[in-house]
Amino acid sequence: MTSSSQMEDSWFLDSGAATHITVNKSILDNHTPYTGEKVIKMANNGDVSIDGIGSMTFQFTTVKSRQLCFRLCDVLVARMGNIISIARFVKDNLSAVEFSKEAYVVRDEKTYLENFEKDKDSFLAGGSMDYDSTKDCYCILLDKVSLTT
């Protein structure tokens, strides 16, 4: 069984999630209680109520000591764990998430485009690539990623 403190500290990347979710409203930059009737639909057809909505910022230091900052917008507060929607994350942060059998890599737009220009073929192998003229960038589209051991 997972303790509530583990649930509040752990984050999961979810390729099937439509939005970001957290159990801990205190980590949000802003929090607005939700009083509407919408619920979060689960894969098992269950419903989870929405307690609020807000946004937050993640800061990372890379292995090369570079600071990266990613924004999570429209984070729902619900009692179900901390989930990062890969589709929303990639779109909102102009970034890419790459998966291998044992790990995942998050790249910001600058790093992603530098590597894309060096080796376009390997980037197209893991998903489809689209050019977004509104943002003048390439975006990788990751649909469903299955990690098996």
N, C-alpha and C. Protein backbone atom coordinates (compact mmCIF):
# COMPACT_ATOMS: atom_id res chain seq x y z
N MET A 1 0.84 -1.18 0.00
CA MET A 1 0.00 0.00 0.00
C MET A 1 0.89 1.25 0.00
N THR A 2 0.48 2.26 -0.73
CA THR A 2 1.23 3.50 -0.83
C THR A 2 0.78 4.46 0.25
N SER A 3 1.74 5.04 0.99
CA SER A 3 1.37 6.01 2.02
C SER A 3 0.97 7.32 1.36
N SER A 4 0.25 8.17 2.10
CA SER A 4 -0.21 9.43 1.53
C SER A 4 0.97 10.36 1.22
N SER A 5 2.07 10.30 2.01
CA SER A 5 3.22 11.16 1.70
C SER A 5 3.91 10.70 0.43
N GLN A 6 3.99 9.38 0.18
CA GLN A 6 4.55 8.88 -1.07
C GLN A 6 3.67 9.31 -2.24
N MET A 7 2.38 9.28 -2.06
CA MET A 7 1.44 9.66 -3.10
C MET A 7 1.60 11.14 -3.46
N GLU A 8 1.87 11.98 -2.46
CA GLU A 8 2.03 13.42 -2.70
C GLU A 8 3.37 13.75 -3.34
N ASP A 9 4.40 12.93 -3.14
CA ASP A 9 5.73 13.23 -3.64
C ASP A 9 6.04 12.60 -5.00
N SER A 10 5.40 11.52 -5.35
CA SER A 10 5.69 10.82 -6.59
C SER A 10 4.88 11.38 -7.75
N TRP A 11 5.52 11.49 -8.91
CA TRP A 11 4.86 11.95 -10.13
C TRP A 11 4.98 10.88 -11.20
N PHE A 12 3.91 10.70 -11.97
CA PHE A 12 3.88 9.70 -13.02
C PHE A 12 3.58 10.34 -14.36
N LEU A 13 4.38 10.00 -15.37
CA LEU A 13 4.10 10.43 -16.74
C LEU A 13 3.05 9.50 -17.31
N ASP A 14 1.98 10.04 -17.86
CA ASP A 14 0.87 9.23 -18.36
C ASP A 14 0.57 9.59 -19.80
N SER A 15 0.79 8.64 -20.71
CA SER A 15 0.54 8.89 -22.13
C SER A 15 -0.94 8.91 -22.46
N GLY A 16 -1.78 8.42 -21.57
CA GLY A 16 -3.21 8.39 -21.84
C GLY A 16 -3.99 9.49 -21.14
N ALA A 17 -3.33 10.26 -20.28
CA ALA A 17 -4.02 11.31 -19.52
C ALA A 17 -4.25 12.54 -20.40
N ALA A 18 -5.42 13.15 -20.24
CA ALA A 18 -5.76 14.35 -21.00
C ALA A 18 -5.32 15.62 -20.27
N THR A 19 -5.09 15.53 -18.97
CA THR A 19 -4.71 16.71 -18.19
C THR A 19 -3.79 16.31 -17.04
N HIS A 20 -3.15 17.29 -16.44
CA HIS A 20 -2.29 17.05 -15.27
C HIS A 20 -3.17 16.99 -14.03
N ILE A 21 -2.74 16.18 -13.05
CA ILE A 21 -3.51 16.02 -11.81
C ILE A 21 -2.53 15.98 -10.64
N THR A 22 -2.90 16.60 -9.53
CA THR A 22 -2.11 16.49 -8.30
C THR A 22 -3.05 16.26 -7.12
N VAL A 23 -2.51 15.64 -6.08
CA VAL A 23 -3.27 15.46 -4.85
C VAL A 23 -2.99 16.60 -3.87
N ASN A 24 -1.97 17.40 -4.16
CA ASN A 24 -1.48 18.39 -3.21
C ASN A 24 -1.67 19.81 -3.73
N LYS A 25 -2.74 20.46 -3.34
CA LYS A 25 -3.02 21.82 -3.84
C LYS A 25 -2.01 22.84 -3.34
N SER A 26 -1.29 22.55 -2.26
CA SER A 26 -0.33 23.52 -1.72
C SER A 26 0.89 23.72 -2.63
N ILE A 27 1.15 22.82 -3.57
CA ILE A 27 2.29 22.99 -4.47
C ILE A 27 1.95 23.86 -5.68
N LEU A 28 0.69 24.22 -5.84
CA LEU A 28 0.27 25.03 -6.98
C LEU A 28 0.61 26.50 -6.75
N ASP A 29 0.98 27.18 -7.84
CA ASP A 29 1.25 28.63 -7.76
C ASP A 29 -0.02 29.38 -7.43
N ASN A 30 -1.10 28.90 -7.93
CA ASN A 30 -2.42 29.49 -7.64
C ASN A 30 -3.41 28.33 -7.56
N HIS A 31 -4.39 28.46 -6.75
CA HIS A 31 -5.38 27.40 -6.59
C HIS A 31 -6.76 28.02 -6.52
N THR A 32 -7.65 27.51 -7.33
CA THR A 32 -9.04 27.95 -7.32
C THR A 32 -9.91 26.73 -7.04
N PRO A 33 -10.72 26.75 -6.00
CA PRO A 33 -11.62 25.62 -5.75
C PRO A 33 -12.56 25.41 -6.94
N TYR A 34 -12.84 24.14 -7.24
CA TYR A 34 -13.73 23.81 -8.35
C TYR A 34 -15.10 23.45 -7.78
N THR A 35 -16.14 24.11 -8.26
CA THR A 35 -17.49 23.86 -7.76
C THR A 35 -18.41 23.31 -8.84
N GLY A 36 -17.85 23.02 -10.01
CA GLY A 36 -18.66 22.50 -11.11
C GLY A 36 -19.02 21.04 -10.94
N GLU A 37 -19.65 20.49 -11.93
CA GLU A 37 -20.12 19.11 -11.87
C GLU A 37 -19.24 18.13 -12.63
N LYS A 38 -18.22 18.60 -13.36
CA LYS A 38 -17.37 17.69 -14.12
C LYS A 38 -16.56 16.81 -13.18
N VAL A 39 -16.25 15.60 -13.66
CA VAL A 39 -15.43 14.65 -12.91
C VAL A 39 -14.33 14.13 -13.84
N ILE A 40 -13.34 13.49 -13.24
CA ILE A 40 -12.28 12.85 -14.02
C ILE A 40 -12.71 11.42 -14.28
N LYS A 41 -12.75 11.03 -15.54
CA LYS A 41 -13.11 9.66 -15.92
C LYS A 41 -11.86 8.80 -15.87
N MET A 42 -11.94 7.68 -15.20
CA MET A 42 -10.83 6.76 -15.08
C MET A 42 -10.91 5.68 -16.15
N ALA A 43 -9.79 5.00 -16.38
CA ALA A 43 -9.74 3.93 -17.38
C ALA A 43 -10.69 2.78 -17.01
N ASN A 44 -10.96 2.59 -15.72
CA ASN A 44 -11.86 1.53 -15.28
C ASN A 44 -13.32 2.00 -15.23
N ASN A 45 -13.60 3.14 -15.88
CA ASN A 45 -14.93 3.76 -15.93
C ASN A 45 -15.38 4.39 -14.62
N GLY A 46 -14.50 4.45 -13.63
CA GLY A 46 -14.84 5.12 -12.39
C GLY A 46 -14.71 6.63 -12.54
N ASP A 47 -15.28 7.36 -11.60
CA ASP A 47 -15.22 8.82 -11.59
C ASP A 47 -14.48 9.30 -10.34
N VAL A 48 -13.69 10.36 -10.50
CA VAL A 48 -13.02 11.01 -9.38
C VAL A 48 -13.40 12.48 -9.41
N SER A 49 -13.83 13.00 -8.27
CA SER A 49 -14.26 14.40 -8.23
C SER A 49 -13.05 15.34 -8.31
N ILE A 50 -13.28 16.52 -8.86
CA ILE A 50 -12.25 17.55 -8.99
C ILE A 50 -12.41 18.53 -7.84
N ASP A 51 -11.35 18.73 -7.06
CA ASP A 51 -11.40 19.64 -5.91
C ASP A 51 -10.98 21.06 -6.26
N GLY A 52 -10.17 21.23 -7.30
CA GLY A 52 -9.69 22.56 -7.66
C GLY A 52 -8.88 22.53 -8.93
N ILE A 53 -8.35 23.70 -9.29
CA ILE A 53 -7.53 23.83 -10.48
C ILE A 53 -6.47 24.90 -10.22
N GLY A 54 -5.29 24.74 -10.83
CA GLY A 54 -4.22 25.71 -10.66
C GLY A 54 -3.10 25.46 -11.66
N SER A 55 -1.93 26.03 -11.40
CA SER A 55 -0.77 25.82 -12.26
C SER A 55 0.47 25.75 -11.38
N MET A 56 1.56 25.24 -11.94
CA MET A 56 2.80 25.10 -11.18
C MET A 56 3.99 25.07 -12.11
N THR A 57 5.18 25.21 -11.54
CA THR A 57 6.42 25.18 -12.30
C THR A 57 7.34 24.13 -11.70
N PHE A 58 7.93 23.30 -12.58
CA PHE A 58 8.96 22.34 -12.19
C PHE A 58 10.31 22.89 -12.61
N GLN A 59 11.31 22.81 -11.76
CA GLN A 59 12.66 23.19 -12.14
C GLN A 59 13.57 21.99 -11.99
N PHE A 60 14.39 21.74 -13.00
CA PHE A 60 15.31 20.62 -13.00
C PHE A 60 16.72 21.12 -13.26
N THR A 61 17.71 20.41 -12.74
CA THR A 61 19.09 20.62 -13.12
C THR A 61 19.51 19.39 -13.90
N THR A 62 19.99 19.59 -15.13
CA THR A 62 20.36 18.47 -15.98
C THR A 62 21.70 17.89 -15.54
N VAL A 63 22.07 16.76 -16.14
CA VAL A 63 23.35 16.14 -15.82
C VAL A 63 24.52 17.04 -16.21
N LYS A 64 24.28 17.98 -17.12
CA LYS A 64 25.32 18.95 -17.52
C LYS A 64 25.15 20.28 -16.78
N SER A 65 24.45 20.25 -15.65
CA SER A 65 24.22 21.42 -14.78
C SER A 65 23.48 22.56 -15.47
N ARG A 66 22.64 22.24 -16.42
CA ARG A 66 21.82 23.25 -17.08
C ARG A 66 20.47 23.30 -16.39
N GLN A 67 19.96 24.50 -16.13
CA GLN A 67 18.66 24.66 -15.49
C GLN A 67 17.54 24.59 -16.53
N LEU A 68 16.57 23.73 -16.31
CA LEU A 68 15.40 23.66 -17.16
C LEU A 68 14.17 23.97 -16.31
N CYS A 69 13.25 24.68 -16.88
CA CYS A 69 12.03 25.05 -16.17
C CYS A 69 10.84 24.66 -17.04
N PHE A 70 9.94 23.87 -16.49
CA PHE A 70 8.75 23.44 -17.22
C PHE A 70 7.51 23.88 -16.47
N ARG A 71 6.51 24.25 -17.19
CA ARG A 71 5.26 24.76 -16.63
C ARG A 71 4.16 23.73 -16.80
N LEU A 72 3.36 23.51 -15.76
CA LEU A 72 2.16 22.69 -15.84
C LEU A 72 0.97 23.63 -15.67
N CYS A 73 0.16 23.76 -16.71
CA CYS A 73 -1.01 24.63 -16.68
C CYS A 73 -2.27 23.80 -16.47
N ASP A 74 -3.28 24.40 -15.92
CA ASP A 74 -4.57 23.74 -15.71
C ASP A 74 -4.42 22.39 -15.00
N VAL A 75 -3.73 22.40 -13.87
CA VAL A 75 -3.55 21.20 -13.06
C VAL A 75 -4.80 21.00 -12.22
N LEU A 76 -5.42 19.84 -12.34
CA LEU A 76 -6.60 19.53 -11.54
C LEU A 76 -6.16 18.97 -10.20
N VAL A 77 -6.87 19.32 -9.15
CA VAL A 77 -6.61 18.78 -7.82
C VAL A 77 -7.64 17.68 -7.58
N ALA A 78 -7.17 16.46 -7.36
CA ALA A 78 -8.06 15.32 -7.13
C ALA A 78 -7.33 14.30 -6.27
N ARG A 79 -8.07 13.47 -5.60
CA ARG A 79 -7.49 12.46 -4.69
C ARG A 79 -7.16 11.18 -5.45
N MET A 80 -6.15 11.25 -6.33
CA MET A 80 -5.83 10.05 -7.10
C MET A 80 -4.36 9.92 -7.46
N GLY A 81 -3.50 10.81 -7.04
CA GLY A 81 -2.08 10.74 -7.38
C GLY A 81 -1.65 11.94 -8.19
N ASN A 82 -0.35 12.00 -8.46
CA ASN A 82 0.22 13.09 -9.24
C ASN A 82 0.54 12.58 -10.64
N ILE A 83 -0.14 13.13 -11.62
CA ILE A 83 -0.03 12.65 -12.99
C ILE A 83 0.33 13.80 -13.91
N ILE A 84 1.33 13.59 -14.76
CA ILE A 84 1.68 14.55 -15.80
C ILE A 84 1.20 13.99 -17.12
N SER A 85 0.31 14.70 -17.77
CA SER A 85 -0.16 14.32 -19.10
C SER A 85 0.96 14.60 -20.09
N ILE A 86 1.48 13.57 -20.74
CA ILE A 86 2.57 13.76 -21.69
C ILE A 86 2.15 14.68 -22.83
N ALA A 87 0.95 14.47 -23.36
CA ALA A 87 0.48 15.29 -24.49
C ALA A 87 0.42 16.77 -24.11
N ARG A 88 -0.14 17.07 -22.95
CA ARG A 88 -0.24 18.47 -22.49
C ARG A 88 1.15 19.04 -22.19
N PHE A 89 1.99 18.25 -21.55
CA PHE A 89 3.34 18.69 -21.19
C PHE A 89 4.14 19.08 -22.43
N VAL A 90 4.14 18.21 -23.43
CA VAL A 90 4.88 18.46 -24.66
C VAL A 90 4.35 19.70 -25.37
N LYS A 91 3.04 19.83 -25.42
CA LYS A 91 2.42 20.98 -26.10
C LYS A 91 2.70 22.28 -25.36
N ASP A 92 2.50 22.30 -24.06
CA ASP A 92 2.64 23.53 -23.27
C ASP A 92 4.08 23.99 -23.12
N ASN A 93 5.03 23.07 -23.18
CA ASN A 93 6.43 23.40 -22.93
C ASN A 93 7.32 23.33 -24.16
N LEU A 94 6.74 23.09 -25.32
CA LEU A 94 7.53 22.96 -26.55
C LEU A 94 8.72 22.04 -26.29
N SER A 95 8.42 20.84 -25.83
CA SER A 95 9.45 19.90 -25.44
C SER A 95 9.14 18.53 -26.03
N ALA A 96 9.96 17.57 -25.71
CA ALA A 96 9.75 16.20 -26.16
C ALA A 96 10.05 15.26 -25.00
N VAL A 97 9.35 14.15 -24.96
CA VAL A 97 9.61 13.10 -23.98
C VAL A 97 9.95 11.85 -24.78
N GLU A 98 11.12 11.30 -24.53
CA GLU A 98 11.57 10.11 -25.24
C GLU A 98 11.65 8.95 -24.25
N PHE A 99 11.22 7.77 -24.70
CA PHE A 99 11.20 6.60 -23.84
C PHE A 99 12.13 5.52 -24.37
N SER A 100 12.76 4.82 -23.46
CA SER A 100 13.49 3.60 -23.79
C SER A 100 12.96 2.52 -22.86
N LYS A 101 13.53 1.35 -22.93
CA LYS A 101 13.07 0.26 -22.09
C LYS A 101 13.25 0.56 -20.60
N GLU A 102 14.29 1.30 -20.26
CA GLU A 102 14.64 1.50 -18.86
C GLU A 102 14.50 2.92 -18.34
N ALA A 103 14.24 3.88 -19.22
CA ALA A 103 14.22 5.28 -18.75
C ALA A 103 13.44 6.15 -19.71
N TYR A 104 13.27 7.39 -19.31
CA TYR A 104 12.70 8.39 -20.22
C TYR A 104 13.57 9.64 -20.14
N VAL A 105 13.52 10.43 -21.21
CA VAL A 105 14.30 11.66 -21.29
C VAL A 105 13.35 12.79 -21.65
N VAL A 106 13.43 13.89 -20.92
CA VAL A 106 12.65 15.09 -21.24
C VAL A 106 13.61 16.10 -21.85
N ARG A 107 13.27 16.59 -23.03
CA ARG A 107 14.12 17.57 -23.70
C ARG A 107 13.34 18.86 -23.88
N ASP A 108 13.99 19.97 -23.62
CA ASP A 108 13.38 21.26 -23.91
C ASP A 108 13.47 21.51 -25.41
N GLU A 109 12.79 22.53 -25.90
CA GLU A 109 12.74 22.79 -27.35
C GLU A 109 14.12 22.99 -27.95
N LYS A 110 14.98 23.76 -27.30
CA LYS A 110 16.30 24.05 -27.86
C LYS A 110 17.13 22.78 -28.00
N THR A 111 17.22 21.98 -26.94
CA THR A 111 17.97 20.73 -26.99
C THR A 111 17.35 19.78 -27.99
N TYR A 112 16.03 19.71 -27.97
CA TYR A 112 15.32 18.82 -28.88
C TYR A 112 15.63 19.16 -30.33
N LEU A 113 15.52 20.43 -30.71
CA LEU A 113 15.75 20.84 -32.09
C LEU A 113 17.21 20.66 -32.50
N GLU A 114 18.15 20.90 -31.58
CA GLU A 114 19.57 20.67 -31.89
C GLU A 114 19.80 19.20 -32.24
N ASN A 115 19.25 18.30 -31.44
CA ASN A 115 19.42 16.88 -31.69
C ASN A 115 18.63 16.43 -32.91
N PHE A 116 17.47 17.01 -33.12
CA PHE A 116 16.65 16.67 -34.28
C PHE A 116 17.40 16.99 -35.57
N GLU A 117 18.04 18.15 -35.62
CA GLU A 117 18.78 18.55 -36.83
C GLU A 117 19.96 17.61 -37.08
N LYS A 118 20.57 17.08 -36.03
CA LYS A 118 21.71 16.17 -36.19
C LYS A 118 21.28 14.81 -36.71
N ASP A 119 20.13 14.31 -36.28
CA ASP A 119 19.73 12.94 -36.62
C ASP A 119 18.22 12.84 -36.74
N LYS A 120 17.66 13.37 -37.83
CA LYS A 120 16.22 13.41 -38.02
C LYS A 120 15.59 12.02 -38.07
N ASP A 121 16.28 11.05 -38.68
CA ASP A 121 15.70 9.71 -38.85
C ASP A 121 15.41 9.03 -37.52
N SER A 122 16.30 9.14 -36.54
CA SER A 122 16.06 8.46 -35.27
C SER A 122 14.91 9.10 -34.51
N PHE A 123 14.68 10.39 -34.71
CA PHE A 123 13.57 11.05 -34.04
C PHE A 123 12.23 10.62 -34.62
N LEU A 124 12.19 10.35 -35.91
CA LEU A 124 10.94 9.96 -36.54
C LEU A 124 10.57 8.52 -36.22
N ALA A 125 11.53 7.71 -35.77
CA ALA A 125 11.27 6.30 -35.52
C ALA A 125 10.34 6.08 -34.33
N GLY A 126 10.37 6.95 -33.32
CA GLY A 126 9.61 6.72 -32.11
C GLY A 126 8.21 7.30 -32.11
N GLY A 127 7.88 8.09 -33.06
CA GLY A 127 6.57 8.72 -33.11
C GLY A 127 6.46 9.52 -34.39
N SER A 128 5.44 10.30 -34.53
CA SER A 128 5.32 11.10 -35.73
C SER A 128 5.78 12.52 -35.44
N MET A 129 6.21 13.22 -36.46
CA MET A 129 6.74 14.56 -36.31
C MET A 129 5.86 15.52 -37.09
N ASP A 130 5.46 16.60 -36.47
CA ASP A 130 4.68 17.63 -37.14
C ASP A 130 5.34 18.97 -36.95
N TYR A 131 5.22 19.81 -37.95
CA TYR A 131 5.70 21.18 -37.84
C TYR A 131 4.54 22.06 -37.41
N ASP A 132 4.72 22.82 -36.35
CA ASP A 132 3.68 23.70 -35.85
C ASP A 132 4.01 25.12 -36.30
N SER A 133 3.32 25.60 -37.33
CA SER A 133 3.63 26.91 -37.88
C SER A 133 3.27 28.04 -36.92
N THR A 134 2.33 27.80 -36.01
CA THR A 134 1.95 28.85 -35.06
C THR A 134 3.05 29.10 -34.04
N LYS A 135 3.88 28.09 -33.77
CA LYS A 135 4.96 28.23 -32.79
C LYS A 135 6.33 28.16 -33.45
N ASP A 136 6.36 27.95 -34.79
CA ASP A 136 7.60 27.86 -35.54
C ASP A 136 8.54 26.83 -34.92
N CYS A 137 8.02 25.63 -34.69
CA CYS A 137 8.85 24.57 -34.13
C CYS A 137 8.35 23.21 -34.59
N TYR A 138 9.19 22.21 -34.41
CA TYR A 138 8.79 20.84 -34.67
C TYR A 138 8.29 20.24 -33.37
N CYS A 139 7.27 19.44 -33.44
CA CYS A 139 6.73 18.77 -32.26
C CYS A 139 6.66 17.28 -32.52
N ILE A 140 7.13 16.50 -31.57
CA ILE A 140 6.99 15.05 -31.69
C ILE A 140 5.67 14.67 -31.06
N LEU A 141 4.94 13.79 -31.70
CA LEU A 141 3.65 13.36 -31.19
C LEU A 141 3.80 11.94 -30.67
N LEU A 142 3.69 11.77 -29.37
CA LEU A 142 3.77 10.45 -28.76
C LEU A 142 2.37 10.02 -28.41
N ASP A 143 1.92 8.94 -29.02
CA ASP A 143 0.58 8.46 -28.74
C ASP A 143 0.63 7.54 -27.53
N LYS A 144 0.63 6.24 -27.77
CA LYS A 144 0.70 5.30 -26.65
C LYS A 144 2.08 4.67 -26.63
N VAL A 145 2.72 4.72 -25.49
CA VAL A 145 4.03 4.13 -25.33
C VAL A 145 3.90 2.98 -24.36
N SER A 146 4.34 1.82 -24.76
CA SER A 146 4.25 0.65 -23.91
C SER A 146 5.64 0.27 -23.44
N LEU A 147 5.87 0.30 -22.16
CA LEU A 147 7.16 -0.09 -21.61
C LEU A 147 7.04 -1.50 -21.06
N THR A 148 7.85 -2.40 -21.58
CA THR A 148 7.82 -3.78 -21.10
C THR A 148 9.21 -4.17 -20.64
N THR A 149 9.27 -5.12 -19.73
CA THR A 149 10.57 -5.57 -19.25
C THR A 149 10.83 -6.98 -19.72
